[in-house]
């Protein structure tokens, strides 16, 4: 009596099945160790705010009003981003208060707090020309650190923001608004669209 199972194919089939299981487990572990609520469309909304703020800021009659314009835009953009993160986290079942969410938030927030403090210090000495590159560099640093707990594209975005900040340092100070439009506007929209398409939401 012959067996219906070919013993020559069984080890290979078992090996393929085991490899598929290991791949699934590895992918599940990677997903569970990454913050998946980085917003895509919310990032686009933040970029639209940045693009809209640039021409308004450029036509302000004084440096102080230029600063106020960007501060208002920052508050609006942060509100848009925070709302988008909260909604995407709820949709994906990713707790914001879990270990990964806390690490992402702390990594992003720390450089932003430094940026707020430095903005106040620079305002006191009328050093407005330094603000644009500083904002881009610190925002990029925060995105990179937060991105250590998220998808690789987030870290790439952070590096691009920092590159824009470095470019703002070596180009004429009058180009600051242009670099802010590129960074907080164009780059934010571009990476937001990519994240929305590849990572959802």
C-alpha atoms as a PDB file:
ATOM      1  CA  UNK A   1       0.000   0.000   0.000  1.00  0.00           C
ATOM      2  CA  UNK A   2       1.465   3.380  -0.993  1.00  0.00           C
ATOM      3  CA  UNK A   3       1.089   6.520   1.053  1.00  0.00           C
ATOM      4  CA  UNK A   4      -0.762   9.457  -0.505  1.00  0.00           C
ATOM      5  CA  UNK A   5       1.902  11.831   0.790  1.00  0.00           C
ATOM      6  CA  UNK A   6       5.200  12.204  -1.069  1.00  0.00           C
ATOM      7  CA  UNK A   7       7.940  12.097   1.595  1.00  0.00           C
ATOM      8  CA  UNK A   8      10.301  13.955  -0.705  1.00  0.00           C
ATOM      9  CA  UNK A   9       8.145  17.079  -0.733  1.00  0.00           C
ATOM     10  CA  UNK A  10       7.118  17.116   2.918  1.00  0.00           C
ATOM     11  CA  UNK A  11      10.338  18.652   4.344  1.00  0.00           C
ATOM     12  CA  UNK A  12      10.294  21.432   1.761  1.00  0.00           C
ATOM     13  CA  UNK A  13       6.631  22.170   2.397  1.00  0.00           C
ATOM     14  CA  UNK A  14       7.235  22.224   6.129  1.00  0.00           C
ATOM     15  CA  UNK A  15      10.215  24.550   5.662  1.00  0.00           C
ATOM     16  CA  UNK A  16       8.189  26.947   3.490  1.00  0.00           C
ATOM     17  CA  UNK A  17       5.369  26.955   6.026  1.00  0.00           C
ATOM     18  CA  UNK A  18       7.795  27.631   8.878  1.00  0.00           C
ATOM     19  CA  UNK A  19       9.445  30.490   6.969  1.00  0.00           C
ATOM     20  CA  UNK A  20       6.045  32.038   6.258  1.00  0.00           C
ATOM     21  CA  UNK A  21       5.140  31.830   9.940  1.00  0.00           C
ATOM     22  CA  UNK A  22       8.445  33.402  10.966  1.00  0.00           C
ATOM     23  CA  UNK A  23       7.915  36.223   8.456  1.00  0.00           C
ATOM     24  CA  UNK A  24       4.453  36.878   9.836  1.00  0.00           C
ATOM     25  CA  UNK A  25       5.741  36.902  13.428  1.00  0.00           C
ATOM     26  CA  UNK A  26       8.613  39.225  12.527  1.00  0.00           C
ATOM     27  CA  UNK A  27       6.295  41.659  10.720  1.00  0.00           C
ATOM     28  CA  UNK A  28       3.850  41.589  13.629  1.00  0.00           C
ATOM     29  CA  UNK A  29       6.667  42.368  16.068  1.00  0.00           C
ATOM     30  CA  UNK A  30       7.875  45.241  13.885  1.00  0.00           C
ATOM     31  CA  UNK A  31       4.370  46.702  13.735  1.00  0.00           C
ATOM     32  CA  UNK A  32       3.911  46.396  17.482  1.00  0.00           C
ATOM     33  CA  UNK A  33       7.229  48.153  18.145  1.00  0.00           C
ATOM     34  CA  UNK A  34       6.529  51.109  15.807  1.00  0.00           C
ATOM     35  CA  UNK A  35       4.271  54.115  16.248  1.00  0.00           C
ATOM     36  CA  UNK A  36       1.814  53.786  13.369  1.00  0.00           C
ATOM     37  CA  UNK A  37      -0.324  56.877  13.961  1.00  0.00           C
ATOM     38  CA  UNK A  38       1.907  59.343  12.093  1.00  0.00           C
ATOM     39  CA  UNK A  39      -0.643  61.274  10.024  1.00  0.00           C
ATOM     40  CA  UNK A  40      -0.512  61.444   6.258  1.00  0.00           C
ATOM     41  CA  UNK A  41      -3.441  63.666   5.325  1.00  0.00           C
ATOM     42  CA  UNK A  42      -2.966  65.529   8.595  1.00  0.00           C
ATOM     43  CA  UNK A  43       0.599  66.216   7.499  1.00  0.00           C
ATOM     44  CA  UNK A  44      -0.749  67.562   4.223  1.00  0.00           C
ATOM     45  CA  UNK A  45      -3.033  69.874   6.200  1.00  0.00           C
ATOM     46  CA  UNK A  46      -0.065  71.085   8.237  1.00  0.00           C
ATOM     47  CA  UNK A  47       1.819  71.775   5.017  1.00  0.00           C
ATOM     48  CA  UNK A  48      -1.077  73.771   3.601  1.00  0.00           C
ATOM     49  CA  UNK A  49      -0.967  75.940   6.726  1.00  0.00           C
ATOM     50  CA  UNK A  50       2.767  76.465   6.206  1.00  0.00           C
ATOM     51  CA  UNK A  51       2.345  77.407   2.555  1.00  0.00           C
ATOM     52  CA  UNK A  52      -0.478  79.806   3.376  1.00  0.00           C
ATOM     53  CA  UNK A  53       1.547  81.455   6.134  1.00  0.00           C
ATOM     54  CA  UNK A  54       4.599  82.140   3.967  1.00  0.00           C
ATOM     55  CA  UNK A  55       3.195  84.914   1.714  1.00  0.00           C
ATOM     56  CA  UNK A  56       1.342  86.456   4.654  1.00  0.00           C
ATOM     57  CA  UNK A  57       4.550  86.567   6.694  1.00  0.00           C
ATOM     58  CA  UNK A  58       6.576  87.899   3.766  1.00  0.00           C
ATOM     59  CA  UNK A  59       4.308  90.952   3.457  1.00  0.00           C
ATOM     60  CA  UNK A  60       4.334  91.932   7.125  1.00  0.00           C
ATOM     61  CA  UNK A  61       5.625  95.461   7.807  1.00  0.00           C
ATOM     62  CA  UNK A  62       7.862  94.442  10.721  1.00  0.00           C
ATOM     63  CA  UNK A  63       9.900  91.523  11.980  1.00  0.00           C
ATOM     64  CA  UNK A  64       7.671  91.204  15.032  1.00  0.00           C
ATOM     65  CA  UNK A  65       4.576  90.769  12.891  1.00  0.00           C
ATOM     66  CA  UNK A  66       6.480  88.272  10.758  1.00  0.00           C
ATOM     67  CA  UNK A  67       7.167  86.305  13.925  1.00  0.00           C
ATOM     68  CA  UNK A  68       3.558  86.519  15.090  1.00  0.00           C
ATOM     69  CA  UNK A  69       2.377  85.199  11.718  1.00  0.00           C
ATOM     70  CA  UNK A  70       4.586  82.128  11.981  1.00  0.00           C
ATOM     71  CA  UNK A  71       3.682  81.533  15.618  1.00  0.00           C
ATOM     72  CA  UNK A  72      -0.032  81.582  14.769  1.00  0.00           C
ATOM     73  CA  UNK A  73       0.634  79.215  11.867  1.00  0.00           C
ATOM     74  CA  UNK A  74       2.603  76.903  14.182  1.00  0.00           C
ATOM     75  CA  UNK A  75      -0.258  76.719  16.678  1.00  0.00           C
ATOM     76  CA  UNK A  76      -2.765  75.935  13.913  1.00  0.00           C
ATOM     77  CA  UNK A  77      -0.481  73.338  12.319  1.00  0.00           C
ATOM     78  CA  UNK A  78       0.192  71.634  15.650  1.00  0.00           C
ATOM     79  CA  UNK A  79      -3.545  71.488  16.340  1.00  0.00           C
ATOM     80  CA  UNK A  80      -4.142  69.932  12.910  1.00  0.00           C
ATOM     81  CA  UNK A  81      -1.348  67.413  13.453  1.00  0.00           C
ATOM     82  CA  UNK A  82      -2.429  66.479  16.979  1.00  0.00           C
ATOM     83  CA  UNK A  83      -6.028  65.958  15.865  1.00  0.00           C
ATOM     84  CA  UNK A  84      -4.918  63.808  12.934  1.00  0.00           C
ATOM     85  CA  UNK A  85      -2.652  61.693  15.153  1.00  0.00           C
ATOM     86  CA  UNK A  86      -5.444  61.134  17.658  1.00  0.00           C
ATOM     87  CA  UNK A  87      -7.904  60.075  14.956  1.00  0.00           C
ATOM     88  CA  UNK A  88      -5.451  57.778  13.198  1.00  0.00           C
ATOM     89  CA  UNK A  89      -4.420  56.201  16.502  1.00  0.00           C
ATOM     90  CA  UNK A  90      -8.063  55.499  17.347  1.00  0.00           C
ATOM     91  CA  UNK A  91      -8.650  54.039  13.892  1.00  0.00           C
ATOM     92  CA  UNK A  92      -5.558  51.806  14.078  1.00  0.00           C
ATOM     93  CA  UNK A  93      -6.023  50.844  17.705  1.00  0.00           C
ATOM     94  CA  UNK A  94      -2.625  52.346  18.575  1.00  0.00           C
ATOM     95  CA  UNK A  95      -2.722  53.725  22.133  1.00  0.00           C
ATOM     96  CA  UNK A  96      -1.108  57.152  22.372  1.00  0.00           C
ATOM     97  CA  UNK A  97      -0.287  56.554  26.022  1.00  0.00           C
ATOM     98  CA  UNK A  98       1.450  53.234  25.389  1.00  0.00           C
ATOM     99  CA  UNK A  99       5.249  52.923  25.614  1.00  0.00           C
ATOM    100  CA  UNK A 100       5.832  53.490  21.891  1.00  0.00           C
ATOM    101  CA  UNK A 101       3.413  56.420  21.733  1.00  0.00           C
ATOM    102  CA  UNK A 102       5.064  58.073  24.724  1.00  0.00           C
ATOM    103  CA  UNK A 103       8.539  57.636  23.268  1.00  0.00           C
ATOM    104  CA  UNK A 104       7.452  59.057  19.935  1.00  0.00           C
ATOM    105  CA  UNK A 105       5.764  62.027  21.609  1.00  0.00           C
ATOM    106  CA  UNK A 106       8.701  62.767  23.902  1.00  0.00           C
ATOM    107  CA  UNK A 107      11.217  62.497  21.085  1.00  0.00           C
ATOM    108  CA  UNK A 108       9.218  64.939  18.977  1.00  0.00           C
ATOM    109  CA  UNK A 109       8.244  67.332  21.767  1.00  0.00           C
ATOM    110  CA  UNK A 110      11.643  67.889  23.405  1.00  0.00           C
ATOM    111  CA  UNK A 111      13.237  69.756  20.446  1.00  0.00           C
ATOM    112  CA  UNK A 112      10.006  71.725  19.944  1.00  0.00           C
ATOM    113  CA  UNK A 113      10.127  72.929  23.552  1.00  0.00           C
ATOM    114  CA  UNK A 114      13.758  73.953  23.005  1.00  0.00           C
ATOM    115  CA  UNK A 115      12.677  75.784  19.857  1.00  0.00           C
ATOM    116  CA  UNK A 116       9.986  77.704  21.737  1.00  0.00           C
ATOM    117  CA  UNK A 117      12.455  78.732  24.446  1.00  0.00           C
ATOM    118  CA  UNK A 118      15.095  79.749  21.906  1.00  0.00           C
ATOM    119  CA  UNK A 119      12.534  81.733  19.909  1.00  0.00           C
ATOM    120  CA  UNK A 120      11.763  83.783  23.002  1.00  0.00           C
ATOM    121  CA  UNK A 121      15.473  84.298  23.676  1.00  0.00           C
ATOM    122  CA  UNK A 122      16.149  85.383  20.092  1.00  0.00           C
ATOM    123  CA  UNK A 123      13.128  87.695  20.102  1.00  0.00           C
ATOM    124  CA  UNK A 124      14.547  89.494  23.137  1.00  0.00           C
ATOM    125  CA  UNK A 125      17.732  90.345  21.229  1.00  0.00           C
ATOM    126  CA  UNK A 126      15.994  90.989  17.873  1.00  0.00           C
ATOM    127  CA  UNK A 127      17.786  88.061  16.201  1.00  0.00           C
ATOM    128  CA  UNK A 128      14.961  87.273  13.792  1.00  0.00           C
ATOM    129  CA  UNK A 129      17.255  86.114  10.988  1.00  0.00           C
ATOM    130  CA  UNK A 130      18.335  83.102  13.055  1.00  0.00           C
ATOM    131  CA  UNK A 131      14.811  81.869  13.695  1.00  0.00           C
ATOM    132  CA  UNK A 132      13.997  80.253  10.341  1.00  0.00           C
ATOM    133  CA  UNK A 133      17.016  77.912  10.230  1.00  0.00           C
ATOM    134  CA  UNK A 134      16.653  77.153  13.937  1.00  0.00           C
ATOM    135  CA  UNK A 135      12.986  76.178  13.554  1.00  0.00           C
ATOM    136  CA  UNK A 136      13.724  73.873  10.626  1.00  0.00           C
ATOM    137  CA  UNK A 137      16.722  72.265  12.320  1.00  0.00           C
ATOM    138  CA  UNK A 138      14.930  71.618  15.610  1.00  0.00           C
ATOM    139  CA  UNK A 139      11.743  70.420  13.943  1.00  0.00           C
ATOM    140  CA  UNK A 140      13.790  68.073  11.802  1.00  0.00           C
ATOM    141  CA  UNK A 141      15.653  66.826  14.865  1.00  0.00           C
ATOM    142  CA  UNK A 142      12.363  66.143  16.638  1.00  0.00           C
ATOM    143  CA  UNK A 143      10.961  64.284  13.650  1.00  0.00           C
ATOM    144  CA  UNK A 144      14.112  62.156  13.417  1.00  0.00           C
ATOM    145  CA  UNK A 145      14.085  61.268  17.119  1.00  0.00           C
ATOM    146  CA  UNK A 146      10.359  60.542  17.080  1.00  0.00           C
ATOM    147  CA  UNK A 147      10.869  58.611  13.864  1.00  0.00           C
ATOM    148  CA  UNK A 148      13.168  56.185  15.652  1.00  0.00           C
ATOM    149  CA  UNK A 149       9.935  54.695  16.975  1.00  0.00           C
ATOM    150  CA  UNK A 150       8.026  54.896  13.690  1.00  0.00           C
ATOM    151  CA  UNK A 151       8.397  54.121   9.990  1.00  0.00           C
ATOM    152  CA  UNK A 152      11.750  54.844   8.280  1.00  0.00           C
ATOM    153  CA  UNK A 153      10.152  57.471   6.029  1.00  0.00           C
ATOM    154  CA  UNK A 154       9.566  59.646   9.106  1.00  0.00           C
ATOM    155  CA  UNK A 155      13.308  59.775   9.768  1.00  0.00           C
ATOM    156  CA  UNK A 156      13.948  60.614   6.124  1.00  0.00           C
ATOM    157  CA  UNK A 157      11.477  63.491   6.416  1.00  0.00           C
ATOM    158  CA  UNK A 158      13.290  64.760   9.501  1.00  0.00           C
ATOM    159  CA  UNK A 159      16.609  64.686   7.666  1.00  0.00           C
ATOM    160  CA  UNK A 160      15.081  66.725   4.829  1.00  0.00           C
ATOM    161  CA  UNK A 161      13.797  69.353   7.269  1.00  0.00           C
ATOM    162  CA  UNK A 162      17.262  69.588   8.787  1.00  0.00           C
ATOM    163  CA  UNK A 163      18.793  69.912   5.312  1.00  0.00           C
ATOM    164  CA  UNK A 164      16.455  72.841   4.638  1.00  0.00           C
ATOM    165  CA  UNK A 165      17.570  74.383   7.929  1.00  0.00           C
ATOM    166  CA  UNK A 166      21.227  74.016   6.992  1.00  0.00           C
ATOM    167  CA  UNK A 167      20.502  75.577   3.604  1.00  0.00           C
ATOM    168  CA  UNK A 168      18.803  78.485   5.365  1.00  0.00           C
ATOM    169  CA  UNK A 169      22.009  79.074   7.324  1.00  0.00           C
ATOM    170  CA  UNK A 170      24.310  79.313   4.307  1.00  0.00           C
ATOM    171  CA  UNK A 171      21.983  81.365   2.094  1.00  0.00           C
ATOM    172  CA  UNK A 172      21.084  85.052   2.558  1.00  0.00           C
ATOM    173  CA  UNK A 173      18.982  85.743   5.647  1.00  0.00           C
ATOM    174  CA  UNK A 174      16.268  87.261   3.485  1.00  0.00           C
ATOM    175  CA  UNK A 175      15.541  83.794   2.127  1.00  0.00           C
ATOM    176  CA  UNK A 176      14.307  82.559   5.511  1.00  0.00           C
ATOM    177  CA  UNK A 177      10.627  82.740   4.595  1.00  0.00           C
ATOM    178  CA  UNK A 178      11.303  80.877   1.357  1.00  0.00           C
ATOM    179  CA  UNK A 179      12.996  78.022   3.231  1.00  0.00           C
ATOM    180  CA  UNK A 180      10.154  77.908   5.742  1.00  0.00           C
ATOM    181  CA  UNK A 181       7.674  77.643   2.876  1.00  0.00           C
ATOM    182  CA  UNK A 182       9.705  74.819   1.371  1.00  0.00           C
ATOM    183  CA  UNK A 183      10.152  72.966   4.669  1.00  0.00           C
ATOM    184  CA  UNK A 184       6.924  73.520   6.580  1.00  0.00           C
ATOM    185  CA  UNK A 185       4.937  73.723   3.349  1.00  0.00           C
ATOM    186  CA  UNK A 186       6.324  71.724   0.447  1.00  0.00           C
ATOM    187  CA  UNK A 187       8.170  68.990   2.330  1.00  0.00           C
ATOM    188  CA  UNK A 188       5.322  68.579   4.797  1.00  0.00           C
ATOM    189  CA  UNK A 189       2.810  68.133   1.977  1.00  0.00           C
ATOM    190  CA  UNK A 190       5.071  65.806  -0.002  1.00  0.00           C
ATOM    191  CA  UNK A 191       5.823  63.460   2.872  1.00  0.00           C
ATOM    192  CA  UNK A 192       2.219  63.665   4.053  1.00  0.00           C
ATOM    193  CA  UNK A 193       0.995  62.424   0.683  1.00  0.00           C
ATOM    194  CA  UNK A 194       3.565  59.628   0.686  1.00  0.00           C
ATOM    195  CA  UNK A 195       2.604  58.510   4.194  1.00  0.00           C
ATOM    196  CA  UNK A 196      -1.102  58.670   3.353  1.00  0.00           C
ATOM    197  CA  UNK A 197      -0.569  56.501   0.287  1.00  0.00           C
ATOM    198  CA  UNK A 198       1.846  53.967   1.791  1.00  0.00           C
ATOM    199  CA  UNK A 199       0.885  53.897   5.473  1.00  0.00           C
ATOM    200  CA  UNK A 200      -2.739  55.040   5.333  1.00  0.00           C
ATOM    201  CA  UNK A 201      -4.459  58.153   6.618  1.00  0.00           C
END
